[in-house]
Amino acid sequence: MKVVHAAPTEQVSEQLSVKRMTDELEAGKMRANVFTLAEGSMMRHTHREQEELYLVLDGTAELEAGGLIHKLGERDAIAVPPGVERRLGNVGWGPLTFVVVAAPPVEGDGEKR
């Protein structure tokens, strides 16, 4: 076991940065990432096999999944089952930072919409 600093440093796009922690943590049965999403931005995707847990660290998110809309504030968490399209948006002021833990750790399981 080891401690990993979880600040997002890898720029995925102008709106999104990530810290991919799975390999550093030597986690074999889950995938774990910390993301920062710019104010007013959103991401939409689906996973065929992975269940995902979202935990908001800082900011305010709106998660639409399975036809329902959930507003998430700091320290709020929600799990989304596989096969359910999800849209996560930053609806607060400033950046949104959140943790995503997914299982099983299937590579290439996500489909962007």
PDB file of N, CA and C in Angstrom:
ATOM      1  N   MET A   1       0.857  -1.180   0.000  1.00  0.00           N
ATOM      2  CA  MET A   1       0.000   0.000   0.000  1.00  0.00           C
ATOM      3  C   MET A   1       0.894   1.231   0.000  1.00  0.00           C
ATOM      4  N   LYS A   2       0.410   2.297  -0.673  1.00  0.00           N
ATOM      5  CA  LYS A   2       1.157   3.541  -0.676  1.00  0.00           C
ATOM      6  C   LYS A   2       0.217   4.727  -0.783  1.00  0.00           C
ATOM      7  N   VAL A   3       0.723   5.873  -0.404  1.00  0.00           N
ATOM      8  CA  VAL A   3      -0.028   7.124  -0.446  1.00  0.00           C
ATOM      9  C   VAL A   3       0.302   7.825  -1.756  1.00  0.00           C
ATOM     10  N   VAL A   4      -0.731   8.337  -2.424  1.00  0.00           N
ATOM     11  CA  VAL A   4      -0.584   9.038  -3.695  1.00  0.00           C
ATOM     12  C   VAL A   4      -1.191  10.420  -3.560  1.00  0.00           C
ATOM     13  N   HIS A   5      -0.494  11.441  -4.067  1.00  0.00           N
ATOM     14  CA  HIS A   5      -1.064  12.792  -4.088  1.00  0.00           C
ATOM     15  C   HIS A   5      -2.075  12.857  -5.229  1.00  0.00           C
ATOM     16  N   ALA A   6      -3.287  13.288  -4.935  1.00  0.00           N
ATOM     17  CA  ALA A   6      -4.401  13.148  -5.872  1.00  0.00           C
ATOM     18  C   ALA A   6      -4.812  14.451  -6.562  1.00  0.00           C
ATOM     19  N   ALA A   7      -3.881  15.343  -6.813  1.00  0.00           N
ATOM     20  CA  ALA A   7      -4.209  16.587  -7.521  1.00  0.00           C
ATOM     21  C   ALA A   7      -4.157  16.351  -9.030  1.00  0.00           C
ATOM     22  N   PRO A   8      -5.237  16.698  -9.762  1.00  0.00           N
ATOM     23  CA  PRO A   8      -5.235  16.515 -11.214  1.00  0.00           C
ATOM     24  C   PRO A   8      -4.155  17.366 -11.889  1.00  0.00           C
ATOM     25  N   THR A   9      -3.277  16.738 -12.660  1.00  0.00           N
ATOM     26  CA  THR A   9      -2.186  17.438 -13.330  1.00  0.00           C
ATOM     27  C   THR A   9      -2.132  17.173 -14.834  1.00  0.00           C
ATOM     28  N   GLU A  10      -2.788  16.118 -15.297  1.00  0.00           N
ATOM     29  CA  GLU A  10      -2.779  15.774 -16.724  1.00  0.00           C
ATOM     30  C   GLU A  10      -3.928  16.492 -17.417  1.00  0.00           C
ATOM     31  N   GLN A  11      -3.606  17.375 -18.366  1.00  0.00           N
ATOM     32  CA  GLN A  11      -4.622  18.136 -19.087  1.00  0.00           C
ATOM     33  C   GLN A  11      -5.206  17.270 -20.198  1.00  0.00           C
ATOM     34  N   VAL A  12      -6.484  16.887 -20.080  1.00  0.00           N
ATOM     35  CA  VAL A  12      -7.165  16.070 -21.079  1.00  0.00           C
ATOM     36  C   VAL A  12      -7.723  16.962 -22.191  1.00  0.00           C
ATOM     37  N   SER A  13      -8.268  18.094 -21.797  1.00  0.00           N
ATOM     38  CA  SER A  13      -8.788  19.095 -22.733  1.00  0.00           C
ATOM     39  C   SER A  13      -8.682  20.450 -22.050  1.00  0.00           C
ATOM     40  N   GLU A  14      -9.146  21.475 -22.721  1.00  0.00           N
ATOM     41  CA  GLU A  14      -9.128  22.807 -22.128  1.00  0.00           C
ATOM     42  C   GLU A  14     -10.004  22.873 -20.875  1.00  0.00           C
ATOM     43  N   GLN A  15     -11.037  22.032 -20.808  1.00  0.00           N
ATOM     44  CA  GLN A  15     -11.993  22.045 -19.706  1.00  0.00           C
ATOM     45  C   GLN A  15     -11.733  20.980 -18.636  1.00  0.00           C
ATOM     46  N   LEU A  16     -10.928  19.956 -18.944  1.00  0.00           N
ATOM     47  CA  LEU A  16     -10.830  18.795 -18.063  1.00  0.00           C
ATOM     48  C   LEU A  16      -9.376  18.410 -17.797  1.00  0.00           C
ATOM     49  N   SER A  17      -9.058  18.197 -16.512  1.00  0.00           N
ATOM     50  CA  SER A  17      -7.758  17.634 -16.142  1.00  0.00           C
ATOM     51  C   SER A  17      -7.999  16.440 -15.220  1.00  0.00           C
ATOM     52  N   VAL A  18      -6.993  15.554 -15.137  1.00  0.00           N
ATOM     53  CA  VAL A  18      -7.175  14.300 -14.405  1.00  0.00           C
ATOM     54  C   VAL A  18      -5.890  13.884 -13.705  1.00  0.00           C
ATOM     55  N   LYS A  19      -6.032  13.153 -12.634  1.00  0.00           N
ATOM     56  CA  LYS A  19      -4.950  12.418 -11.984  1.00  0.00           C
ATOM     57  C   LYS A  19      -5.387  10.965 -12.010  1.00  0.00           C
ATOM     58  N   ARG A  20      -4.707  10.156 -12.830  1.00  0.00           N
ATOM     59  CA  ARG A  20      -5.009   8.729 -12.930  1.00  0.00           C
ATOM     60  C   ARG A  20      -4.213   8.020 -11.825  1.00  0.00           C
ATOM     61  N   MET A  21      -4.924   7.426 -10.879  1.00  0.00           N
ATOM     62  CA  MET A  21      -4.267   6.893  -9.693  1.00  0.00           C
ATOM     63  C   MET A  21      -4.162   5.373  -9.654  1.00  0.00           C
ATOM     64  N   THR A  22      -4.854   4.680 -10.524  1.00  0.00           N
ATOM     65  CA  THR A  22      -4.950   3.221 -10.445  1.00  0.00           C
ATOM     66  C   THR A  22      -3.588   2.545 -10.406  1.00  0.00           C
ATOM     67  N   ASP A  23      -2.710   2.858 -11.360  1.00  0.00           N
ATOM     68  CA  ASP A  23      -1.408   2.199 -11.423  1.00  0.00           C
ATOM     69  C   ASP A  23      -0.537   2.567 -10.231  1.00  0.00           C
ATOM     70  N   GLU A  24      -0.507   3.852  -9.891  1.00  0.00           N
ATOM     71  CA  GLU A  24       0.307   4.288  -8.753  1.00  0.00           C
ATOM     72  C   GLU A  24      -0.141   3.634  -7.451  1.00  0.00           C
ATOM     73  N   LEU A  25      -1.445   3.447  -7.310  1.00  0.00           N
ATOM     74  CA  LEU A  25      -1.979   2.814  -6.103  1.00  0.00           C
ATOM     75  C   LEU A  25      -1.869   1.290  -6.139  1.00  0.00           C
ATOM     76  N   GLU A  26      -1.480   0.779  -7.317  1.00  0.00           N
ATOM     77  CA  GLU A  26      -1.394  -0.662  -7.534  1.00  0.00           C
ATOM     78  C   GLU A  26      -2.736  -1.333  -7.242  1.00  0.00           C
ATOM     79  N   ALA A  27      -3.792  -0.676  -7.707  1.00  0.00           N
ATOM     80  CA  ALA A  27      -5.157  -1.179  -7.524  1.00  0.00           C
ATOM     81  C   ALA A  27      -5.493  -2.119  -8.684  1.00  0.00           C
ATOM     82  N   GLY A  28      -5.810  -3.350  -8.386  1.00  0.00           N
ATOM     83  CA  GLY A  28      -6.070  -4.315  -9.429  1.00  0.00           C
ATOM     84  C   GLY A  28      -7.530  -4.582  -9.705  1.00  0.00           C
ATOM     85  N   LYS A  29      -8.416  -4.219  -8.790  1.00  0.00           N
ATOM     86  CA  LYS A  29      -9.830  -4.562  -8.936  1.00  0.00           C
ATOM     87  C   LYS A  29     -10.728  -3.347  -9.139  1.00  0.00           C
ATOM     88  N   MET A  30     -10.107  -2.152  -9.290  1.00  0.00           N
ATOM     89  CA  MET A  30     -10.880  -0.939  -9.539  1.00  0.00           C
ATOM     90  C   MET A  30     -10.025   0.064 -10.295  1.00  0.00           C
ATOM     91  N   ARG A  31     -10.695   1.066 -10.825  1.00  0.00           N
ATOM     92  CA  ARG A  31     -10.040   2.194 -11.480  1.00  0.00           C
ATOM     93  C   ARG A  31     -10.365   3.410 -10.636  1.00  0.00           C
ATOM     94  N   ALA A  32      -9.373   4.273 -10.384  1.00  0.00           N
ATOM     95  CA  ALA A  32      -9.598   5.453  -9.559  1.00  0.00           C
ATOM     96  C   ALA A  32      -8.929   6.670 -10.194  1.00  0.00           C
ATOM     97  N   ASN A  33      -9.721   7.738 -10.361  1.00  0.00           N
ATOM     98  CA  ASN A  33      -9.228   8.986 -10.939  1.00  0.00           C
ATOM     99  C   ASN A  33      -9.793  10.170 -10.170  1.00  0.00           C
ATOM    100  N   VAL A  34      -9.042  11.277 -10.173  1.00  0.00           N
ATOM    101  CA  VAL A  34      -9.546  12.548  -9.662  1.00  0.00           C
ATOM    102  C   VAL A  34      -9.571  13.500 -10.852  1.00  0.00           C
ATOM    103  N   PHE A  35     -10.707  14.174 -11.044  1.00  0.00           N
ATOM    104  CA  PHE A  35     -10.883  15.092 -12.167  1.00  0.00           C
ATOM    105  C   PHE A  35     -11.147  16.505 -11.670  1.00  0.00           C
ATOM    106  N   THR A  36     -10.752  17.475 -12.487  1.00  0.00           N
ATOM    107  CA  THR A  36     -11.181  18.853 -12.309  1.00  0.00           C
ATOM    108  C   THR A  36     -11.832  19.284 -13.619  1.00  0.00           C
ATOM    109  N   LEU A  37     -13.078  19.764 -13.517  1.00  0.00           N
ATOM    110  CA  LEU A  37     -13.869  20.173 -14.672  1.00  0.00           C
ATOM    111  C   LEU A  37     -14.128  21.670 -14.559  1.00  0.00           C
ATOM    112  N   ALA A  38     -13.850  22.405 -15.621  1.00  0.00           N
ATOM    113  CA  ALA A  38     -14.000  23.862 -15.620  1.00  0.00           C
ATOM    114  C   ALA A  38     -15.459  24.277 -15.449  1.00  0.00           C
ATOM    115  N   GLU A  39     -15.635  25.458 -14.908  1.00  0.00           N
ATOM    116  CA  GLU A  39     -16.968  26.040 -14.703  1.00  0.00           C
ATOM    117  C   GLU A  39     -17.753  26.036 -16.010  1.00  0.00           C
ATOM    118  N   GLY A  40     -19.002  25.563 -15.953  1.00  0.00           N
ATOM    119  CA  GLY A  40     -19.881  25.551 -17.112  1.00  0.00           C
ATOM    120  C   GLY A  40     -19.660  24.392 -18.068  1.00  0.00           C
ATOM    121  N   SER A  41     -18.684  23.530 -17.797  1.00  0.00           N
ATOM    122  CA  SER A  41     -18.379  22.409 -18.689  1.00  0.00           C
ATOM    123  C   SER A  41     -19.157  21.160 -18.288  1.00  0.00           C
ATOM    124  N   MET A  42     -19.209  20.217 -19.216  1.00  0.00           N
ATOM    125  CA  MET A  42     -19.884  18.948 -18.922  1.00  0.00           C
ATOM    126  C   MET A  42     -19.228  17.829 -19.705  1.00  0.00           C
ATOM    127  N   MET A  43     -19.459  16.603 -19.230  1.00  0.00           N
ATOM    128  CA  MET A  43     -18.982  15.410 -19.930  1.00  0.00           C
ATOM    129  C   MET A  43     -20.089  14.373 -19.943  1.00  0.00           C
ATOM    130  N   ARG A  44     -20.221  13.665 -21.064  1.00  0.00           N
ATOM    131  CA  ARG A  44     -21.285  12.666 -21.220  1.00  0.00           C
ATOM    132  C   ARG A  44     -20.639  11.371 -21.705  1.00  0.00           C
ATOM    133  N   HIS A  45     -21.019  10.252 -21.077  1.00  0.00           N
ATOM    134  CA  HIS A  45     -20.490   8.961 -21.488  1.00  0.00           C
ATOM    135  C   HIS A  45     -21.305   7.820 -20.883  1.00  0.00           C
ATOM    136  N   THR A  46     -21.001   6.613 -21.333  1.00  0.00           N
ATOM    137  CA  THR A  46     -21.638   5.393 -20.850  1.00  0.00           C
ATOM    138  C   THR A  46     -20.555   4.336 -20.660  1.00  0.00           C
ATOM    139  N   HIS A  47     -20.751   3.444 -19.704  1.00  0.00           N
ATOM    140  CA  HIS A  47     -19.862   2.300 -19.524  1.00  0.00           C
ATOM    141  C   HIS A  47     -20.670   1.024 -19.700  1.00  0.00           C
ATOM    142  N   ARG A  48     -20.132   0.103 -20.472  1.00  0.00           N
ATOM    143  CA  ARG A  48     -20.815  -1.167 -20.715  1.00  0.00           C
ATOM    144  C   ARG A  48     -20.765  -2.073 -19.489  1.00  0.00           C
ATOM    145  N   GLU A  49     -19.601  -2.125 -18.812  1.00  0.00           N
ATOM    146  CA  GLU A  49     -19.414  -3.071 -17.711  1.00  0.00           C
ATOM    147  C   GLU A  49     -19.158  -2.416 -16.362  1.00  0.00           C
ATOM    148  N   GLN A  50     -18.680  -1.192 -16.363  1.00  0.00           N
ATOM    149  CA  GLN A  50     -18.251  -0.576 -15.112  1.00  0.00           C
ATOM    150  C   GLN A  50     -19.361   0.143 -14.364  1.00  0.00           C
ATOM    151  N   GLU A  51     -19.394  -0.097 -13.075  1.00  0.00           N
ATOM    152  CA  GLU A  51     -20.185   0.707 -12.148  1.00  0.00           C
ATOM    153  C   GLU A  51     -19.253   1.821 -11.682  1.00  0.00           C
ATOM    154  N   GLU A  52     -19.772   3.047 -11.586  1.00  0.00           N
ATOM    155  CA  GLU A  52     -18.939   4.168 -11.168  1.00  0.00           C
ATOM    156  C   GLU A  52     -19.502   4.849  -9.933  1.00  0.00           C
ATOM    157  N   LEU A  53     -18.609   5.190  -9.026  1.00  0.00           N
ATOM    158  CA  LEU A  53     -18.948   5.995  -7.867  1.00  0.00           C
ATOM    159  C   LEU A  53     -18.330   7.367  -8.069  1.00  0.00           C
ATOM    160  N   TYR A  54     -19.156   8.406  -7.941  1.00  0.00           N
ATOM    161  CA  TYR A  54     -18.703   9.791  -8.046  1.00  0.00           C
ATOM    162  C   TYR A  54     -18.745  10.405  -6.650  1.00  0.00           C
ATOM    163  N   LEU A  55     -17.671  11.093  -6.260  1.00  0.00           N
ATOM    164  CA  LEU A  55     -17.599  11.793  -4.987  1.00  0.00           C
ATOM    165  C   LEU A  55     -17.090  13.203  -5.258  1.00  0.00           C
ATOM    166  N   VAL A  56     -17.922  14.203  -4.982  1.00  0.00           N
ATOM    167  CA  VAL A  56     -17.549  15.598  -5.204  1.00  0.00           C
ATOM    168  C   VAL A  56     -16.665  16.059  -4.051  1.00  0.00           C
ATOM    169  N   LEU A  57     -15.497  16.588  -4.401  1.00  0.00           N
ATOM    170  CA  LEU A  57     -14.594  17.137  -3.386  1.00  0.00           C
ATOM    171  C   LEU A  57     -14.817  18.631  -3.216  1.00  0.00           C
ATOM    172  N   ASP A  58     -14.839  19.359  -4.333  1.00  0.00           N
ATOM    173  CA  ASP A  58     -15.035  20.812  -4.317  1.00  0.00           C
ATOM    174  C   ASP A  58     -15.920  21.218  -5.479  1.00  0.00           C
ATOM    175  N   GLY A  59     -16.883  22.096  -5.216  1.00  0.00           N
ATOM    176  CA  GLY A  59     -17.742  22.606  -6.264  1.00  0.00           C
ATOM    177  C   GLY A  59     -19.132  21.998  -6.225  1.00  0.00           C
ATOM    178  N   THR A  60     -19.873  22.255  -7.309  1.00  0.00           N
ATOM    179  CA  THR A  60     -21.252  21.779  -7.419  1.00  0.00           C
ATOM    180  C   THR A  60     -21.445  21.116  -8.774  1.00  0.00           C
ATOM    181  N   ALA A  61     -21.954  19.892  -8.745  1.00  0.00           N
ATOM    182  CA  ALA A  61     -22.163  19.121  -9.969  1.00  0.00           C
ATOM    183  C   ALA A  61     -23.641  18.837 -10.159  1.00  0.00           C
ATOM    184  N   GLU A  62     -24.004  18.633 -11.423  1.00  0.00           N
ATOM    185  CA  GLU A  62     -25.320  18.116 -11.758  1.00  0.00           C
ATOM    186  C   GLU A  62     -25.074  16.846 -12.553  1.00  0.00           C
ATOM    187  N   LEU A  63     -25.606  15.740 -12.053  1.00  0.00           N
ATOM    188  CA  LEU A  63     -25.450  14.451 -12.716  1.00  0.00           C
ATOM    189  C   LEU A  63     -26.806  13.997 -13.217  1.00  0.00           C
ATOM    190  N   GLU A  64     -26.889  13.793 -14.524  1.00  0.00           N
ATOM    191  CA  GLU A  64     -28.095  13.225 -15.121  1.00  0.00           C
ATOM    192  C   GLU A  64     -27.779  11.784 -15.475  1.00  0.00           C
ATOM    193  N   ALA A  65     -28.547  10.859 -14.930  1.00  0.00           N
ATOM    194  CA  ALA A  65     -28.326   9.432 -15.185  1.00  0.00           C
ATOM    195  C   ALA A  65     -29.657   8.702 -15.085  1.00  0.00           C
ATOM    196  N   GLY A  66     -29.920   7.859 -16.056  1.00  0.00           N
ATOM    197  CA  GLY A  66     -31.146   7.070 -16.022  1.00  0.00           C
ATOM    198  C   GLY A  66     -32.409   7.918 -16.029  1.00  0.00           C
ATOM    199  N   GLY A  67     -32.353   9.085 -16.666  1.00  0.00           N
ATOM    200  CA  GLY A  67     -33.521   9.955 -16.749  1.00  0.00           C
ATOM    201  C   GLY A  67     -33.758  10.804 -15.512  1.00  0.00           C
ATOM    202  N   LEU A  68     -32.899  10.703 -14.510  1.00  0.00           N
ATOM    203  CA  LEU A  68     -33.028  11.495 -13.286  1.00  0.00           C
ATOM    204  C   LEU A  68     -31.879  12.487 -13.189  1.00  0.00           C
ATOM    205  N   ILE A  69     -32.149  13.638 -12.576  1.00  0.00           N
ATOM    206  CA  ILE A  69     -31.125  14.664 -12.382  1.00  0.00           C
ATOM    207  C   ILE A  69     -30.850  14.785 -10.895  1.00  0.00           C
ATOM    208  N   HIS A  70     -29.562  14.737 -10.546  1.00  0.00           N
ATOM    209  CA  HIS A  70     -29.131  14.829  -9.160  1.00  0.00           C
ATOM    210  C   HIS A  70     -28.164  15.992  -9.019  1.00  0.00           C
ATOM    211  N   LYS A  71     -28.382  16.851  -8.038  1.00  0.00           N
ATOM    212  CA  LYS A  71     -27.453  17.929  -7.746  1.00  0.00           C
ATOM    213  C   LYS A  71     -26.548  17.450  -6.618  1.00  0.00           C
ATOM    214  N   LEU A  72     -25.243  17.556  -6.823  1.00  0.00           N
ATOM    215  CA  LEU A  72     -24.262  17.074  -5.863  1.00  0.00           C
ATOM    216  C   LEU A  72     -23.386  18.224  -5.394  1.00  0.00           C
ATOM    217  N   GLY A  73     -23.274  18.367  -4.097  1.00  0.00           N
ATOM    218  CA  GLY A  73     -22.391  19.368  -3.515  1.00  0.00           C
ATOM    219  C   GLY A  73     -21.175  18.697  -2.912  1.00  0.00           C
ATOM    220  N   GLU A  74     -20.362  19.494  -2.257  1.00  0.00           N
ATOM    221  CA  GLU A  74     -19.143  18.982  -1.651  1.00  0.00           C
ATOM    222  C   GLU A  74     -19.441  17.839  -0.687  1.00  0.00           C
ATOM    223  N   ARG A  75     -18.710  16.750  -0.857  1.00  0.00           N
ATOM    224  CA  ARG A  75     -18.778  15.522  -0.055  1.00  0.00           C
ATOM    225  C   ARG A  75     -20.019  14.680  -0.332  1.00  0.00           C
ATOM    226  N   ASP A  76     -20.759  14.995  -1.406  1.00  0.00           N
ATOM    227  CA  ASP A  76     -21.877  14.157  -1.828  1.00  0.00           C
ATOM    228  C   ASP A  76     -21.348  13.083  -2.775  1.00  0.00           C
ATOM    229  N   ALA A  77     -21.951  11.903  -2.713  1.00  0.00           N
ATOM    230  CA  ALA A  77     -21.533  10.790  -3.554  1.00  0.00           C
ATOM    231  C   ALA A  77     -22.747  10.114  -4.161  1.00  0.00           C
ATOM    232  N   ILE A  78     -22.534   9.493  -5.332  1.00  0.00           N
ATOM    233  CA  ILE A  78     -23.584   8.742  -6.005  1.00  0.00           C
ATOM    234  C   ILE A  78     -22.924   7.640  -6.826  1.00  0.00           C
ATOM    235  N   ALA A  79     -23.591   6.498  -6.948  1.00  0.00           N
ATOM    236  CA  ALA A  79     -23.102   5.389  -7.774  1.00  0.00           C
ATOM    237  C   ALA A  79     -24.014   5.254  -8.989  1.00  0.00           C
ATOM    238  N   VAL A  80     -23.407   5.030 -10.150  1.00  0.00           N
ATOM    239  CA  VAL A  80     -24.152   4.852 -11.396  1.00  0.00           C
ATOM    240  C   VAL A  80     -23.846   3.459 -11.936  1.00  0.00           C
ATOM    241  N   PRO A  81     -24.893   2.656 -12.181  1.00  0.00           N
ATOM    242  CA  PRO A  81     -24.663   1.287 -12.673  1.00  0.00           C
ATOM    243  C   PRO A  81     -24.186   1.265 -14.126  1.00  0.00           C
ATOM    244  N   PRO A  82     -23.617   0.152 -14.552  1.00  0.00           N
ATOM    245  CA  PRO A  82     -23.200   0.033 -15.947  1.00  0.00           C
ATOM    246  C   PRO A  82     -24.399   0.113 -16.894  1.00  0.00           C
ATOM    247  N   GLY A  83     -24.113   0.560 -18.123  1.00  0.00           N
ATOM    248  CA  GLY A  83     -25.151   0.626 -19.142  1.00  0.00           C
ATOM    249  C   GLY A  83     -26.030   1.859 -19.074  1.00  0.00           C
ATOM    250  N   VAL A  84     -25.841   2.707 -18.070  1.00  0.00           N
ATOM    251  CA  VAL A  84     -26.656   3.920 -17.918  1.00  0.00           C
ATOM    252  C   VAL A  84     -25.853   5.109 -18.420  1.00  0.00           C
ATOM    253  N   GLU A  85     -26.401   5.820 -19.425  1.00  0.00           N
ATOM    254  CA  GLU A  85     -25.730   7.023 -19.901  1.00  0.00           C
ATOM    255  C   GLU A  85     -25.743   8.064 -18.798  1.00  0.00           C
ATOM    256  N   ARG A  86     -24.618   8.746 -18.645  1.00  0.00           N
ATOM    257  CA  ARG A  86     -24.514   9.778 -17.614  1.00  0.00           C
ATOM    258  C   ARG A  86     -23.942  11.055 -18.191  1.00  0.00           C
ATOM    259  N   ARG A  87     -24.429  12.170 -17.674  1.00  0.00           N
ATOM    260  CA  ARG A  87     -23.936  13.496 -18.052  1.00  0.00           C
ATOM    261  C   ARG A  87     -23.621  14.221 -16.762  1.00  0.00           C
ATOM    262  N   LEU A  88     -22.361  14.584 -16.595  1.00  0.00           N
ATOM    263  CA  LEU A  88     -21.931  15.304 -15.402  1.00  0.00           C
ATOM    264  C   LEU A  88     -21.538  16.706 -15.813  1.00  0.00           C
ATOM    265  N   GLY A  89     -22.153  17.703 -15.185  1.00  0.00           N
ATOM    266  CA  GLY A  89     -21.851  19.087 -15.507  1.00  0.00           C
ATOM    267  C   GLY A  89     -21.432  19.864 -14.274  1.00  0.00           C
ATOM    268  N   ASN A  90     -20.570  20.838 -14.486  1.00  0.00           N
ATOM    269  CA  ASN A  90     -20.170  21.755 -13.426  1.00  0.00           C
ATOM    270  C   ASN A  90     -21.153  22.912 -13.448  1.00  0.00           C
ATOM    271  N   VAL A  91     -22.025  22.980 -12.456  1.00  0.00           N
ATOM    272  CA  VAL A  91     -23.065  24.002 -12.412  1.00  0.00           C
ATOM    273  C   VAL A  91     -22.788  25.049 -11.332  1.00  0.00           C
ATOM    274  N   GLY A  92     -21.611  25.005 -10.740  1.00  0.00           N
ATOM    275  CA  GLY A  92     -21.256  25.957  -9.690  1.00  0.00           C
ATOM    276  C   GLY A  92     -20.305  27.025 -10.199  1.00  0.00           C
ATOM    277  N   TRP A  93     -19.839  27.839  -9.270  1.00  0.00           N
ATOM    278  CA  TRP A  93     -18.843  28.867  -9.567  1.00  0.00           C
ATOM    279  C   TRP A  93     -17.463  28.268  -9.370  1.00  0.00           C
ATOM    280  N   GLY A  94     -16.590  28.434 -10.323  1.00  0.00           N
ATOM    281  CA  GLY A  94     -15.237  27.896 -10.215  1.00  0.00           C
ATOM    282  C   GLY A  94     -15.169  26.442 -10.628  1.00  0.00           C
ATOM    283  N   PRO A  95     -13.980  25.847 -10.469  1.00  0.00           N
ATOM    284  CA  PRO A  95     -13.801  24.460 -10.908  1.00  0.00           C
ATOM    285  C   PRO A  95     -14.535  23.456 -10.031  1.00  0.00           C
ATOM    286  N   LEU A  96     -14.839  22.316 -10.621  1.00  0.00           N
ATOM    287  CA  LEU A  96     -15.447  21.184  -9.936  1.00  0.00           C
ATOM    288  C   LEU A  96     -14.373  20.099  -9.844  1.00  0.00           C
ATOM    289  N   THR A  97     -14.079  19.636  -8.636  1.00  0.00           N
ATOM    290  CA  THR A  97     -13.111  18.555  -8.453  1.00  0.00           C
ATOM    291  C   THR A  97     -13.842  17.366  -7.850  1.00  0.00           C
ATOM    292  N   PHE A  98     -13.672  16.195  -8.473  1.00  0.00           N
ATOM    293  CA  PHE A  98     -14.398  15.012  -8.028  1.00  0.00           C
ATOM    294  C   PHE A  98     -13.572  13.749  -8.256  1.00  0.00           C
ATOM    295  N   VAL A  99     -13.870  12.735  -7.455  1.00  0.00           N
ATOM    296  CA  VAL A  99     -13.229  11.425  -7.554  1.00  0.00           C
ATOM    297  C   VAL A  99     -14.193  10.486  -8.268  1.00  0.00           C
ATOM    298  N   VAL A 100     -13.650   9.647  -9.137  1.00  0.00           N
ATOM    299  CA  VAL A 100     -14.434   8.591  -9.763  1.00  0.00           C
ATOM    300  C   VAL A 100     -13.723   7.266  -9.500  1.00  0.00           C
ATOM    301  N   VAL A 101     -14.445   6.341  -8.886  1.00  0.00           N
ATOM    302  CA  VAL A 101     -13.934   4.991  -8.666  1.00  0.00           C
ATOM    303  C   VAL A 101     -14.845   4.056  -9.452  1.00  0.00           C
ATOM    304  N   ALA A 102     -14.234   3.189 -10.261  1.00  0.00           N
ATOM    305  CA  ALA A 102     -15.014   2.292 -11.121  1.00  0.00           C
ATOM    306  C   ALA A 102     -14.542   0.856 -10.965  1.00  0.00           C
ATOM    307  N   ALA A 103     -15.485  -0.051 -11.083  1.00  0.00           N
ATOM    308  CA  ALA A 103     -15.158  -1.474 -11.030  1.00  0.00           C
ATOM    309  C   ALA A 103     -16.112  -2.213 -11.958  1.00  0.00           C
ATOM    310  N   PRO A 104     -15.646  -3.243 -12.624  1.00  0.00           N
ATOM    311  CA  PRO A 104     -14.272  -3.719 -12.671  1.00  0.00           C
ATOM    312  C   PRO A 104     -13.403  -2.771 -13.511  1.00  0.00           C
ATOM    313  N   PRO A 105     -12.074  -2.873 -13.415  1.00  0.00           N
ATOM    314  CA  PRO A 105     -11.171  -1.950 -14.114  1.00  0.00           C
ATOM    315  C   PRO A 105     -10.977  -2.311 -15.588  1.00  0.00           C
ATOM    316  N   VAL A 106     -12.014  -2.216 -16.362  1.00  0.00           N
ATOM    317  CA  VAL A 106     -12.000  -2.605 -17.769  1.00  0.00           C
ATOM    318  C   VAL A 106     -11.471  -1.450 -18.618  1.00  0.00           C
ATOM    319  N   GLU A 107     -10.408  -1.704 -19.372  1.00  0.00           N
ATOM    320  CA  GLU A 107      -9.853  -0.690 -20.279  1.00  0.00           C
ATOM    321  C   GLU A 107     -10.782  -0.513 -21.483  1.00  0.00           C
ATOM    322  N   GLY A 108     -10.970   0.718 -21.934  1.00  0.00           N
ATOM    323  CA  GLY A 108     -11.758   0.984 -23.115  1.00  0.00           C
ATOM    324  C   GLY A 108     -13.244   0.729 -22.952  1.00  0.00           C
ATOM    325  N   ASP A 109     -13.737   0.720 -21.727  1.00  0.00           N
ATOM    326  CA  ASP A 109     -15.142   0.418 -21.466  1.00  0.00           C
ATOM    327  C   ASP A 109     -16.048   1.626 -21.680  1.00  0.00           C
ATOM    328  N   GLY A 110     -15.501   2.817 -21.620  1.00  0.00           N
ATOM    329  CA  GLY A 110     -16.319   4.026 -21.735  1.00  0.00           C
ATOM    330  C   GLY A 110     -16.581   4.421 -23.170  1.00  0.00           C
ATOM    331  N   GLU A 111     -17.782   4.936 -23.403  1.00  0.00           N
ATOM    332  CA  GLU A 111     -18.171   5.453 -24.728  1.00  0.00           C
ATOM    333  C   GLU A 111     -18.619   6.882 -24.546  1.00  0.00           C
ATOM    334  N   LYS A 112     -17.877   7.828 -25.155  1.00  0.00           N
ATOM    335  CA  LYS A 112     -18.258   9.241 -25.092  1.00  0.00           C
ATOM    336  C   LYS A 112     -19.443   9.477 -25.997  1.00  0.00           C
ATOM    337  N   ARG A 113     -20.327  10.354 -25.566  1.00  0.00           N
ATOM    338  CA  ARG A 113     -21.534  10.684 -26.355  1.00  0.00           C
ATOM    339  C   ARG A 113     -21.507  12.143 -26.710  1.00  0.00           C
TER     340      ARG A 113
END
